Amino acid sequence: MCRNTICNCILETKPARTDPVTNVMHMNYKFLLSFILIIYSAICFIVYFIQDKLIFFPRSIDKEIAEKVAGSQSCPEEVYIDTPEGVKLHGWFYRKDADAPVLLYFG
């Protein structure tokens, strides 16, 4: 194998052994990593566009609860506010002293 000198031994290198099992495993890792990245990107994309629906759950107030709240306070005014987006907001306005703090509640 080695001829007479050390230089010849160093230069006579064997080609790297290609193991089919190692190549397949390496391809599987690449595929798995790509698959996970695609799924993660798709989930982020979907969540971005439906985030309002995931955070805000509007619901109507029962008539019983509305009457209970209205009866416990001094005559509230029913207020309807139309937004530029075309949404109609419904609320109650309680008139109080000018020095009283304001509590704004969204629920």
C-alpha atoms as a PDB file:
ATOM      1  CA  MET A   1       0.000   0.000   0.000  1.00  0.00           C
ATOM      2  CA  CYS A   2       2.590   2.574   1.008  1.00  0.00           C
ATOM      3  CA  ARG A   3       5.376   2.776  -1.430  1.00  0.00           C
ATOM      4  CA  ASN A   4       8.692   3.912  -0.133  1.00  0.00           C
ATOM      5  CA  THR A   5       7.990   7.300   1.297  1.00  0.00           C
ATOM      6  CA  ILE A   6       5.636   8.812   3.860  1.00  0.00           C
ATOM      7  CA  CYS A   7       4.379  11.359   1.347  1.00  0.00           C
ATOM      8  CA  ASN A   8       3.055   8.621  -0.858  1.00  0.00           C
ATOM      9  CA  CYS A   9       1.171   7.093   2.096  1.00  0.00           C
ATOM     10  CA  ILE A  10      -0.489  10.395   2.893  1.00  0.00           C
ATOM     11  CA  LEU A  11      -1.454  10.993  -0.705  1.00  0.00           C
ATOM     12  CA  GLU A  12      -2.998   7.556  -1.084  1.00  0.00           C
ATOM     13  CA  THR A  13      -6.251   8.222   0.654  1.00  0.00           C
ATOM     14  CA  LYS A  14      -9.295   6.051   0.345  1.00  0.00           C
ATOM     15  CA  PRO A  15     -12.539   7.626  -0.792  1.00  0.00           C
ATOM     16  CA  ALA A  16     -15.061   8.243   1.956  1.00  0.00           C
ATOM     17  CA  ARG A  17     -17.337   5.298   2.478  1.00  0.00           C
ATOM     18  CA  THR A  18     -20.927   6.082   1.598  1.00  0.00           C
ATOM     19  CA  ASP A  19     -23.296   4.311   3.893  1.00  0.00           C
ATOM     20  CA  PRO A  20     -26.828   4.050   2.447  1.00  0.00           C
ATOM     21  CA  VAL A  21     -28.396   3.966   5.923  1.00  0.00           C
ATOM     22  CA  THR A  22     -26.650   7.205   6.927  1.00  0.00           C
ATOM     23  CA  ASN A  23     -27.724   8.887   3.688  1.00  0.00           C
ATOM     24  CA  VAL A  24     -31.363   7.842   4.202  1.00  0.00           C
ATOM     25  CA  MET A  25     -31.352   9.041   7.820  1.00  0.00           C
ATOM     26  CA  HIS A  26     -29.861  12.366   6.755  1.00  0.00           C
ATOM     27  CA  MET A  27     -32.589  12.756   4.120  1.00  0.00           C
ATOM     28  CA  ASN A  28     -35.267  11.872   6.702  1.00  0.00           C
ATOM     29  CA  TYR A  29     -33.991  14.562   9.081  1.00  0.00           C
ATOM     30  CA  LYS A  30     -34.089  17.131   6.293  1.00  0.00           C
ATOM     31  CA  PHE A  31     -37.610  16.063   5.340  1.00  0.00           C
ATOM     32  CA  LEU A  32     -38.789  16.114   8.969  1.00  0.00           C
ATOM     33  CA  LEU A  33     -37.264  19.532   9.594  1.00  0.00           C
ATOM     34  CA  SER A  34     -38.827  20.913   6.403  1.00  0.00           C
ATOM     35  CA  PHE A  35     -42.202  19.414   7.292  1.00  0.00           C
ATOM     36  CA  ILE A  36     -42.144  20.921  10.806  1.00  0.00           C
ATOM     37  CA  LEU A  37     -41.126  24.312   9.405  1.00  0.00           C
ATOM     38  CA  ILE A  38     -43.958  24.265   6.846  1.00  0.00           C
ATOM     39  CA  ILE A  39     -46.559  23.247   9.463  1.00  0.00           C
ATOM     40  CA  TYR A  40     -45.331  25.943  11.887  1.00  0.00           C
ATOM     41  CA  SER A  41     -45.463  28.602   9.154  1.00  0.00           C
ATOM     42  CA  ALA A  42     -48.994  27.529   8.171  1.00  0.00           C
ATOM     43  CA  ILE A  43     -50.193  27.710  11.788  1.00  0.00           C
ATOM     44  CA  CYS A  44     -48.675  31.204  12.214  1.00  0.00           C
ATOM     45  CA  PHE A  45     -50.291  32.324   8.951  1.00  0.00           C
ATOM     46  CA  ILE A  46     -53.745  31.022   9.972  1.00  0.00           C
ATOM     47  CA  VAL A  47     -53.557  32.413  13.519  1.00  0.00           C
ATOM     48  CA  TYR A  48     -52.561  35.843  12.186  1.00  0.00           C
ATOM     49  CA  PHE A  49     -55.727  36.096  10.111  1.00  0.00           C
ATOM     50  CA  ILE A  50     -58.142  34.720  12.742  1.00  0.00           C
ATOM     51  CA  GLN A  51     -56.651  36.364  15.823  1.00  0.00           C
ATOM     52  CA  ASP A  52     -59.692  38.616  16.393  1.00  0.00           C
ATOM     53  CA  LYS A  53     -61.943  35.579  16.559  1.00  0.00           C
ATOM     54  CA  LEU A  54     -59.580  33.912  19.040  1.00  0.00           C
ATOM     55  CA  ILE A  55     -59.563  36.900  21.419  1.00  0.00           C
ATOM     56  CA  PHE A  56     -62.992  38.539  21.264  1.00  0.00           C
ATOM     57  CA  PHE A  57     -66.143  36.518  21.909  1.00  0.00           C
ATOM     58  CA  PRO A  58     -69.105  38.910  21.688  1.00  0.00           C
ATOM     59  CA  ARG A  59     -72.323  37.778  23.301  1.00  0.00           C
ATOM     60  CA  SER A  60     -75.684  39.302  23.998  1.00  0.00           C
ATOM     61  CA  ILE A  61     -76.793  40.336  27.457  1.00  0.00           C
ATOM     62  CA  ASP A  62     -79.760  38.395  28.786  1.00  0.00           C
ATOM     63  CA  LYS A  63     -82.880  40.453  29.349  1.00  0.00           C
ATOM     64  CA  GLU A  64     -82.958  39.340  32.995  1.00  0.00           C
ATOM     65  CA  ILE A  65     -79.418  40.611  33.640  1.00  0.00           C
ATOM     66  CA  ALA A  66     -80.132  43.885  31.793  1.00  0.00           C
ATOM     67  CA  GLU A  67     -83.203  44.515  33.950  1.00  0.00           C
ATOM     68  CA  LYS A  68     -81.294  43.665  37.128  1.00  0.00           C
ATOM     69  CA  VAL A  69     -78.466  46.095  36.310  1.00  0.00           C
ATOM     70  CA  ALA A  70     -80.862  48.801  35.139  1.00  0.00           C
ATOM     71  CA  GLY A  71     -82.942  48.456  38.330  1.00  0.00           C
ATOM     72  CA  SER A  72     -79.947  48.623  40.651  1.00  0.00           C
ATOM     73  CA  GLN A  73     -78.591  51.903  39.274  1.00  0.00           C
ATOM     74  CA  SER A  74     -80.100  55.296  38.644  1.00  0.00           C
ATOM     75  CA  CYS A  75     -81.832  55.235  35.253  1.00  0.00           C
ATOM     76  CA  PRO A  76     -79.184  54.549  32.613  1.00  0.00           C
ATOM     77  CA  GLU A  77     -79.581  55.833  29.092  1.00  0.00           C
ATOM     78  CA  GLU A  78     -79.279  53.241  26.363  1.00  0.00           C
ATOM     79  CA  VAL A  79     -76.657  54.433  23.931  1.00  0.00           C
ATOM     80  CA  TYR A  80     -75.967  53.101  20.443  1.00  0.00           C
ATOM     81  CA  ILE A  81     -72.765  54.097  18.679  1.00  0.00           C
ATOM     82  CA  ASP A  82     -72.190  53.437  14.977  1.00  0.00           C
ATOM     83  CA  THR A  83     -68.520  52.904  14.136  1.00  0.00           C
ATOM     84  CA  PRO A  84     -66.874  53.759  10.786  1.00  0.00           C
ATOM     85  CA  GLU A  85     -66.498  50.007  10.151  1.00  0.00           C
ATOM     86  CA  GLY A  86     -70.266  49.592  10.232  1.00  0.00           C
ATOM     87  CA  VAL A  87     -70.437  47.961  13.682  1.00  0.00           C
ATOM     88  CA  LYS A  88     -73.186  49.082  16.041  1.00  0.00           C
ATOM     89  CA  LEU A  89     -72.099  49.287  19.692  1.00  0.00           C
ATOM     90  CA  HIS A  90     -74.660  49.158  22.468  1.00  0.00           C
ATOM     91  CA  GLY A  91     -74.068  50.516  25.951  1.00  0.00           C
ATOM     92  CA  TRP A  92     -75.510  52.231  28.983  1.00  0.00           C
ATOM     93  CA  PHE A  93     -74.698  55.780  29.992  1.00  0.00           C
ATOM     94  CA  TYR A  94     -75.068  56.767  33.645  1.00  0.00           C
ATOM     95  CA  ARG A  95     -75.094  60.483  34.391  1.00  0.00           C
ATOM     96  CA  LYS A  96     -73.186  61.311  37.569  1.00  0.00           C
ATOM     97  CA  ASP A  97     -71.531  64.280  39.230  1.00  0.00           C
ATOM     98  CA  ALA A  98     -68.945  66.103  37.155  1.00  0.00           C
ATOM     99  CA  ASP A  99     -66.196  65.265  39.661  1.00  0.00           C
ATOM    100  CA  ALA A 100     -66.898  61.533  39.638  1.00  0.00           C
ATOM    101  CA  PRO A 101     -64.350  59.236  37.959  1.00  0.00           C
ATOM    102  CA  VAL A 102     -65.283  57.453  34.739  1.00  0.00           C
ATOM    103  CA  LEU A 103     -65.212  53.689  34.422  1.00  0.00           C
ATOM    104  CA  LEU A 104     -65.186  52.350  30.892  1.00  0.00           C
ATOM    105  CA  TYR A 105     -65.832  48.615  30.670  1.00  0.00           C
ATOM    106  CA  PHE A 106     -65.787  46.282  27.680  1.00  0.00           C
ATOM    107  CA  GLY A 107     -67.035  42.811  28.422  1.00  0.00           C
END
